[in-house]
Amino acid sequence: MEDLAEQLKFANKQLETAIAELLYEQQEKAKRAAELILANIELNFQNEEKEKRAAELILANTELLFQNREKEDRAKELIIANRELVFQYQEKQKRAEELVIANHELVFQYQEKQKRADELDIANRELIFQNQEKQKRADELAIANTELIFQNEEREKRIIADAKKDEFFNMVSHELKTPLTNIKAINQILQKSLNNTDRAYPFITRSNQSVLRLERLIEDLLDVTKINSGEIDLNVSEFFFTDILTQSIDTVQQISAQHKIVLENSVDVFYTGDQFRLERVIINLLNNAIKYSPDATQVKVSAFVKDGQITVCITDYGIGIAKEDINQLFKRFFRVSKIAKQFQGVGLGLYIAAEIVKKHNGTFSIDSEPGVGSSFCFHLPVN
């Protein structure tokens, strides 16, 4: 029973607690209901306010729509006006550009007209100048023609004079040969009949040297007449080239005690040409080298084959030749005026030598320095 009573008490407490909780919940629900009523009233008020605001917003929106439409209309009008302004501006810009182009064109046309005027003025001056030049040329041609006629007449006179001179040289040379041969023979007889100690022996020796010079001069004069008449012929044969070098050196060395002729090197080849006339070329160059180096004691001879041609050079250490005279040396009867009185000669040796070398299809070259010496070289193509 006690347990039951305890259980009932416990059950009553729980029931009281449950009732208290129910009452509390009822109160809370009542509060919530009251709050909901208030909230509902508030919500209704807010809804009414919202409806008012919505109505106001609708009115405002309608007003805004109207204003926007007005603004759009104004914007469209502004766009159209702006386009019109842009179009007008573009048209004005085009007109301005066209005016600038037209102005440039006018300036260009004016400049072109000015250029044409200047060109016409220049052309007119050029025509006047050309006419003057043509007149000058006509006058010069007339003078040149007169000069040419005069030169032709002078040339014809010179040709006639040269022909007469060559004829005279030829005649004199042949006329001198006979008495000179007799003199040479008499000198040789006298030289053989005298001893080296006789007083007359040096005079006979000197006389023989003079005869040799006269013989060379006569041969030169005869060769010049042959060259001028085109009658000089080559006696062509094959020979050992070194032979003409040694023979020429021996011939000149016999009559020149002061100078030692040195053959530095030689050419061991066979050559086809006129041996006698090529020896005359070398002898002539050696005699010149000795003659024009009176204070020297040596003359050098060198020969070599290079690039398909034989080259022979005769070098002296004498007075040398000025550059302005070198190109004149191979002319007939030319002699350097500064030294003509100091050295004997008629100016034919180099002329004849050059013609002989030319007949062999060869060439000459000269290297010289006044006061130092000269080197005469001739070049012959190898057969």
Protein backbone atom coordinates (compact mmCIF):
# COMPACT_ATOMS: atom_id res chain seq x y z
CA MET A 1 0.00 0.00 0.00
CA GLU A 2 2.85 2.32 0.87
CA ASP A 3 4.40 1.61 -2.43
CA LEU A 4 1.19 2.34 -4.14
CA ALA A 5 0.80 5.54 -2.16
CA GLU A 6 4.34 6.49 -3.16
CA GLN A 7 3.59 5.73 -6.70
CA LEU A 8 0.41 7.79 -6.57
CA LYS A 9 2.35 10.71 -5.06
CA PHE A 10 4.91 10.41 -7.72
CA ALA A 11 2.17 10.15 -10.32
CA ASN A 12 0.44 13.22 -8.83
CA LYS A 13 3.70 15.17 -8.96
CA GLN A 14 4.20 14.18 -12.50
CA LEU A 15 0.64 15.12 -13.29
CA GLU A 16 1.06 18.46 -11.57
CA THR A 17 4.24 18.97 -13.43
CA ALA A 18 2.48 18.04 -16.65
CA ILE A 19 -0.44 20.36 -15.83
CA ALA A 20 1.98 23.13 -14.98
CA GLU A 21 3.77 22.54 -18.24
CA LEU A 22 0.39 22.50 -20.08
CA LEU A 23 -0.62 25.74 -18.41
CA TYR A 24 2.77 27.24 -19.28
CA GLU A 25 2.37 25.99 -22.85
CA GLN A 26 -1.20 27.40 -22.93
CA GLN A 27 0.13 30.72 -21.72
CA GLU A 28 2.89 30.61 -24.24
CA LYS A 29 0.41 29.71 -26.96
CA ALA A 30 -1.84 32.54 -25.79
CA LYS A 31 1.15 34.88 -25.92
CA ARG A 32 2.01 33.48 -29.31
CA ALA A 33 -1.57 33.87 -30.44
CA ALA A 34 -1.61 37.44 -29.14
CA GLU A 35 1.73 38.04 -30.83
CA LEU A 36 0.36 36.44 -34.00
CA ILE A 37 -2.70 38.65 -33.82
CA LEU A 38 -0.48 41.66 -33.35
CA ALA A 39 1.83 40.40 -36.07
CA ASN A 40 -1.16 39.77 -38.33
CA ILE A 41 -2.43 43.27 -37.61
CA GLU A 42 1.06 44.60 -38.27
CA LEU A 43 1.26 42.47 -41.39
CA ASN A 44 -2.11 43.72 -42.59
CA PHE A 45 -0.91 47.27 -41.94
CA GLN A 46 2.29 46.60 -43.73
CA ASN A 47 0.34 44.99 -46.60
CA GLU A 48 -1.86 48.05 -46.77
CA GLU A 49 1.28 50.21 -46.69
CA LYS A 50 2.85 47.99 -49.31
CA GLU A 51 -0.27 48.25 -51.43
CA LYS A 52 -0.10 52.03 -51.04
CA ARG A 53 3.58 51.96 -51.87
CA ALA A 54 2.83 49.60 -54.76
CA ALA A 55 0.14 51.96 -55.98
CA GLU A 56 2.54 54.88 -55.54
CA LEU A 57 5.25 52.82 -57.24
CA ILE A 58 2.85 52.00 -60.06
CA LEU A 59 2.08 55.71 -60.39
CA ALA A 60 5.76 56.54 -60.09
CA ASN A 61 6.63 53.77 -62.54
CA THR A 62 3.99 55.00 -64.92
CA GLU A 63 5.44 58.49 -64.54
CA LEU A 64 8.95 57.09 -65.02
CA LEU A 65 7.81 55.18 -68.08
CA PHE A 66 6.33 58.36 -69.44
CA GLN A 67 9.46 60.26 -68.60
CA ASN A 68 11.60 57.49 -70.09
CA ARG A 69 9.52 57.58 -73.24
CA GLU A 70 9.95 61.34 -73.29
CA LYS A 71 13.65 60.91 -72.69
CA GLU A 72 13.86 58.25 -75.41
CA ASP A 73 12.02 60.58 -77.75
CA ARG A 74 14.40 63.37 -76.82
CA ALA A 75 17.36 60.95 -77.13
CA LYS A 76 16.12 59.85 -80.56
CA GLU A 77 15.71 63.48 -81.54
CA LEU A 78 19.19 64.19 -80.13
CA ILE A 79 20.61 61.18 -82.01
CA ILE A 80 18.98 62.39 -85.21
CA ALA A 81 20.20 65.92 -84.51
CA ASN A 82 23.64 64.59 -83.61
CA ARG A 83 23.73 62.49 -86.80
CA GLU A 84 22.71 65.55 -88.72
CA LEU A 85 25.43 67.55 -87.00
CA VAL A 86 27.96 64.74 -87.63
CA PHE A 87 26.85 64.56 -91.27
CA GLN A 88 27.12 68.33 -91.58
CA TYR A 89 30.52 68.25 -89.85
CA GLN A 90 31.66 65.46 -92.17
CA GLU A 91 30.40 67.41 -95.16
CA LYS A 92 32.20 70.49 -93.89
CA GLN A 93 35.31 68.38 -93.30
CA LYS A 94 35.04 67.00 -96.83
CA ARG A 95 34.60 70.49 -98.19
CA ALA A 96 37.58 71.64 -96.10
CA GLU A 97 39.67 68.70 -97.34
CA GLU A 98 38.54 69.34 -100.91
CA LEU A 99 39.51 72.99 -100.46
CA VAL A 100 42.89 71.94 -99.03
CA ILE A 101 43.40 69.52 -101.94
CA ALA A 102 42.26 72.18 -104.38
CA ASN A 103 44.63 74.65 -102.72
CA HIS A 104 47.48 72.12 -102.88
CA GLU A 105 46.60 71.44 -106.50
CA LEU A 106 46.64 75.16 -107.23
CA VAL A 107 49.96 75.53 -105.42
CA PHE A 108 51.33 72.46 -107.27
CA GLN A 109 50.07 73.79 -110.60
CA TYR A 110 51.64 77.14 -109.85
CA GLN A 111 54.91 75.43 -108.89
CA GLU A 112 54.74 73.28 -112.03
CA LYS A 113 54.09 76.37 -114.12
CA GLN A 114 57.00 78.07 -112.39
CA LYS A 115 59.16 74.99 -113.05
CA ARG A 116 58.07 74.93 -116.69
CA ALA A 117 58.84 78.63 -116.91
CA ASP A 118 62.25 78.04 -115.29
CA GLU A 119 62.87 75.01 -117.55
CA LEU A 120 61.87 77.01 -120.59
CA ASP A 121 64.20 79.78 -119.45
CA ILE A 122 67.00 77.25 -118.86
CA ALA A 123 66.23 75.54 -122.18
CA ASN A 124 66.29 78.89 -123.91
CA ARG A 125 69.63 79.71 -122.29
CA GLU A 126 70.88 76.22 -123.16
CA LEU A 127 69.79 76.74 -126.78
CA ILE A 128 71.57 80.09 -126.84
CA PHE A 129 74.64 78.44 -125.24
CA GLN A 130 74.46 75.50 -127.67
CA ASN A 131 74.16 77.88 -130.59
CA GLN A 132 77.17 79.75 -129.28
CA GLU A 133 79.02 76.45 -128.76
CA LYS A 134 78.02 75.30 -132.24
CA GLN A 135 79.32 78.55 -133.61
CA LYS A 136 82.53 78.08 -131.62
CA ARG A 137 82.79 74.47 -132.86
CA ALA A 138 82.13 75.66 -136.40
CA ASP A 139 84.86 78.26 -135.99
CA GLU A 140 87.14 75.67 -134.37
CA LEU A 141 86.34 73.18 -137.15
CA ALA A 142 87.12 75.82 -139.73
CA ILE A 143 90.41 76.58 -137.92
CA ALA A 144 91.07 72.82 -137.45
CA ASN A 145 90.27 72.22 -141.11
CA THR A 146 92.68 74.98 -142.08
CA GLU A 147 95.23 73.54 -139.65
CA LEU A 148 94.60 70.04 -141.06
CA ILE A 149 95.11 71.28 -144.58
CA PHE A 150 98.28 73.02 -143.40
CA GLN A 151 99.43 69.88 -141.56
CA ASN A 152 98.68 67.71 -144.59
CA GLU A 153 100.67 70.09 -146.75
CA GLU A 154 103.45 70.08 -144.14
CA ARG A 155 103.25 66.28 -143.91
CA GLU A 156 103.45 65.96 -147.69
CA LYS A 157 106.38 68.36 -147.67
CA ARG A 158 107.95 66.36 -144.82
CA ILE A 159 107.33 63.08 -146.64
CA ILE A 160 108.92 64.53 -149.77
CA ALA A 161 111.76 65.97 -147.68
CA ASP A 162 112.18 62.65 -145.83
CA ALA A 163 112.17 60.79 -149.12
CA LYS A 164 114.80 63.13 -150.46
CA LYS A 165 116.69 62.86 -147.17
CA ASP A 166 116.52 59.05 -147.27
CA GLU A 167 117.60 59.13 -150.91
CA PHE A 168 120.47 61.42 -149.94
CA PHE A 169 121.41 59.20 -146.97
CA ASN A 170 121.29 56.14 -149.18
CA MET A 171 123.42 57.78 -151.85
CA VAL A 172 125.92 59.25 -149.35
CA SER A 173 126.13 55.97 -147.44
CA HIS A 174 126.94 54.02 -150.59
CA GLU A 175 129.38 56.72 -151.71
CA LEU A 176 131.12 56.68 -148.31
CA LYS A 177 131.42 52.92 -148.15
CA THR A 178 134.10 52.60 -150.82
CA PRO A 179 136.57 55.24 -149.51
CA LEU A 180 135.89 54.11 -145.92
CA THR A 181 136.73 50.54 -146.87
CA ASN A 182 139.97 51.78 -148.40
CA ILE A 183 140.81 53.80 -145.27
CA LYS A 184 140.01 50.77 -143.12
CA ALA A 185 142.28 48.56 -145.23
CA ILE A 186 145.12 51.13 -145.11
CA ASN A 187 144.74 51.42 -141.29
CA GLN A 188 144.87 47.66 -140.90
CA ILE A 189 148.05 47.49 -143.06
CA LEU A 190 149.62 50.32 -141.04
CA GLN A 191 148.59 48.76 -137.73
CA LYS A 192 150.18 45.43 -138.73
CA SER A 193 153.36 47.15 -139.88
CA LEU A 194 153.80 49.04 -136.59
CA ASN A 195 154.71 47.85 -133.12
CA ASN A 196 152.77 48.71 -130.01
CA THR A 197 155.69 50.90 -128.92
CA ASP A 198 155.65 53.09 -132.05
CA ARG A 199 154.43 56.66 -131.53
CA ALA A 200 152.01 56.36 -134.46
CA TYR A 201 150.36 53.16 -133.14
CA PRO A 202 147.81 54.90 -130.78
CA PHE A 203 146.83 57.24 -133.63
CA ILE A 204 146.23 54.32 -135.97
CA THR A 205 144.17 52.60 -133.22
CA ARG A 206 142.11 55.76 -132.72
CA SER A 207 141.67 56.04 -136.47
CA ASN A 208 140.38 52.45 -136.61
CA GLN A 209 137.84 53.27 -133.87
CA SER A 210 136.69 56.31 -135.85
CA VAL A 211 136.34 54.13 -138.95
CA LEU A 212 134.23 51.67 -136.93
CA ARG A 213 132.00 54.53 -135.76
CA LEU A 214 131.64 55.73 -139.35
CA GLU A 215 130.78 52.19 -140.48
CA ARG A 216 128.08 51.93 -137.78
CA LEU A 217 126.73 55.35 -138.80
CA ILE A 218 126.59 54.32 -142.47
CA GLU A 219 124.86 51.05 -141.53
CA ASP A 220 122.38 53.00 -139.40
CA LEU A 221 121.64 55.42 -142.27
CA LEU A 222 121.13 52.54 -144.69
CA ASP A 223 118.85 50.74 -142.22
CA VAL A 224 116.79 53.93 -141.67
CA THR A 225 116.23 54.29 -145.42
CA LYS A 226 115.22 50.63 -145.61
CA ILE A 227 112.87 50.96 -142.64
CA ASN A 228 111.22 54.09 -144.07
CA SER A 229 110.76 52.45 -147.46
CA GLY A 230 109.53 49.20 -145.90
CA GLU A 231 112.37 47.25 -147.50
CA ILE A 232 114.00 45.96 -144.32
CA ASP A 233 113.76 42.16 -144.32
CA LEU A 234 114.68 39.67 -141.63
CA ASN A 235 117.08 36.84 -142.31
CA VAL A 236 115.30 34.36 -140.06
CA SER A 237 117.03 31.26 -138.72
CA GLU A 238 117.15 29.25 -135.51
CA PHE A 239 120.00 30.01 -133.12
CA PHE A 240 121.01 29.53 -129.49
CA PHE A 241 119.93 32.74 -127.78
CA THR A 242 122.87 32.82 -125.37
CA ASP A 243 125.21 33.09 -128.38
CA ILE A 244 124.01 36.58 -129.35
CA LEU A 245 124.43 37.74 -125.76
CA THR A 246 128.02 36.51 -125.40
CA GLN A 247 129.04 37.58 -128.90
CA SER A 248 127.57 41.06 -128.50
CA ILE A 249 129.25 41.48 -125.10
CA ASP A 250 132.62 40.30 -126.51
CA THR A 251 132.36 42.73 -129.46
CA VAL A 252 131.66 45.77 -127.26
CA GLN A 253 134.04 44.73 -124.49
CA GLN A 254 136.97 44.81 -126.94
CA ILE A 255 136.50 48.55 -127.54
CA SER A 256 135.68 49.52 -123.95
CA ALA A 257 138.48 49.09 -121.42
CA GLN A 258 136.87 51.27 -118.72
CA HIS A 259 133.59 49.36 -118.31
CA LYS A 260 133.28 45.74 -117.28
CA ILE A 261 130.22 44.18 -118.98
CA VAL A 262 128.76 41.55 -116.64
CA LEU A 263 126.35 38.87 -117.89
CA GLU A 264 124.36 38.08 -114.75
CA ASN A 265 122.27 35.26 -116.23
CA SER A 266 121.46 33.90 -119.66
CA VAL A 267 118.75 32.16 -121.67
CA ASP A 268 119.45 28.57 -122.67
CA VAL A 269 116.79 28.31 -125.37
CA PHE A 270 116.73 28.20 -129.17
CA TYR A 271 115.10 31.19 -130.81
CA THR A 272 114.02 31.76 -134.41
CA GLY A 273 114.78 35.25 -135.67
CA ASP A 274 117.35 37.48 -137.37
CA GLN A 275 120.47 36.78 -135.29
CA PHE A 276 122.57 39.52 -136.91
CA ARG A 277 119.98 42.28 -136.39
CA LEU A 278 119.21 41.22 -132.78
CA GLU A 279 122.95 41.35 -132.08
CA ARG A 280 122.91 44.92 -133.46
CA VAL A 281 120.11 45.76 -130.98
CA ILE A 282 122.14 44.44 -128.03
CA ILE A 283 125.37 46.09 -129.26
CA ASN A 284 123.53 49.39 -129.68
CA LEU A 285 122.13 49.20 -126.14
CA LEU A 286 125.57 48.27 -124.74
CA ASN A 287 127.26 51.15 -126.57
CA ASN A 288 124.63 53.57 -125.24
CA ALA A 289 125.04 52.20 -121.70
CA ILE A 290 128.81 52.77 -121.89
CA LYS A 291 128.49 56.17 -123.60
CA TYR A 292 126.01 57.60 -121.10
CA SER A 293 127.77 56.31 -117.96
CA PRO A 294 131.22 57.91 -118.36
CA ASP A 295 131.96 57.88 -114.63
CA ALA A 296 130.84 54.26 -114.06
CA THR A 297 132.90 51.09 -114.41
CA GLN A 298 130.25 48.44 -114.92
CA VAL A 299 127.31 47.55 -117.19
CA LYS A 300 125.03 44.64 -116.31
CA VAL A 301 123.25 42.34 -118.77
CA SER A 302 120.50 39.99 -117.64
CA ALA A 303 118.17 37.72 -119.59
CA PHE A 304 115.35 35.40 -118.61
CA VAL A 305 112.23 33.67 -119.91
CA LYS A 306 108.92 34.52 -118.24
CA ASP A 307 105.25 34.38 -119.28
CA GLY A 308 106.08 33.08 -122.74
CA GLN A 309 108.63 35.74 -123.69
CA ILE A 310 112.37 36.32 -123.58
CA THR A 311 113.42 39.49 -121.74
CA VAL A 312 116.88 41.06 -122.12
CA CYS A 313 117.86 44.04 -119.92
CA ILE A 314 120.98 46.24 -120.16
CA THR A 315 121.53 48.31 -117.02
CA ASP A 316 123.97 51.17 -116.60
CA TYR A 317 124.87 53.49 -113.70
CA GLY A 318 125.10 56.71 -115.65
CA ILE A 319 123.35 60.04 -116.13
CA GLY A 320 119.81 58.61 -116.42
CA ILE A 321 116.88 60.00 -118.42
CA ALA A 322 114.12 62.42 -117.38
CA LYS A 323 110.56 61.01 -117.51
CA GLU A 324 109.42 63.59 -120.06
CA ASP A 325 112.13 62.42 -122.50
CA ILE A 326 111.60 58.63 -122.22
CA ASN A 327 108.66 58.47 -124.66
CA GLN A 328 110.65 60.43 -127.26
CA LEU A 329 113.74 58.19 -127.28
CA PHE A 330 112.60 55.88 -130.08
CA LYS A 331 111.85 58.70 -132.51
CA ARG A 332 114.17 59.12 -135.47
CA PHE A 333 116.99 61.67 -134.92
CA PHE A 334 115.73 62.46 -131.39
CA ARG A 335 118.40 63.44 -128.88
CA VAL A 336 117.93 64.77 -125.36
CA SER A 337 118.67 68.49 -125.70
CA LYS A 338 120.41 68.78 -122.30
CA ILE A 339 123.10 66.23 -123.16
CA ALA A 340 123.22 66.44 -126.97
CA LYS A 341 126.36 68.58 -126.93
CA GLN A 342 128.16 66.38 -124.39
CA PHE A 343 127.81 63.05 -126.25
CA GLN A 344 128.28 62.19 -129.92
CA GLY A 345 125.46 60.67 -131.94
CA VAL A 346 122.70 61.35 -134.46
CA GLY A 347 119.73 59.74 -132.65
CA LEU A 348 119.21 56.70 -134.91
CA GLY A 349 120.37 53.75 -132.76
CA LEU A 350 117.30 53.36 -130.58
CA TYR A 351 114.97 54.07 -133.50
CA ILE A 352 116.54 51.21 -135.50
CA ALA A 353 116.64 48.92 -132.43
CA ALA A 354 112.95 49.53 -131.76
CA GLU A 355 112.04 48.77 -135.39
CA ILE A 356 114.07 45.54 -135.36
CA VAL A 357 112.40 44.41 -132.11
CA LYS A 358 109.00 45.41 -133.52
CA LYS A 359 109.73 43.29 -136.63
CA HIS A 360 110.14 40.34 -134.21
CA ASN A 361 106.72 41.18 -132.63
CA GLY A 362 108.54 42.38 -129.52
CA THR A 363 108.36 45.45 -127.29
CA PHE A 364 110.67 47.81 -125.39
CA SER A 365 110.48 49.06 -121.79
CA ILE A 366 112.67 51.62 -120.02
CA ASP A 367 113.28 52.25 -116.33
CA SER A 368 115.45 55.28 -115.59
CA GLU A 369 116.24 57.79 -112.88
CA PRO A 370 118.35 60.90 -113.51
CA GLY A 371 121.72 60.68 -111.78
CA VAL A 372 121.24 56.99 -110.91
CA GLY A 373 121.16 55.12 -114.21
CA SER A 374 118.93 53.41 -116.77
CA SER A 375 117.70 49.94 -117.62
CA PHE A 376 116.69 49.25 -121.25
CA CYS A 377 114.75 46.01 -121.75
CA PHE A 378 113.32 44.38 -124.85
CA HIS A 379 110.85 41.51 -124.83
CA LEU A 380 110.52 38.87 -127.56
CA PRO A 381 107.74 36.27 -127.72
CA VAL A 382 109.09 32.74 -127.51
CA ASN A 383 108.66 30.88 -130.81
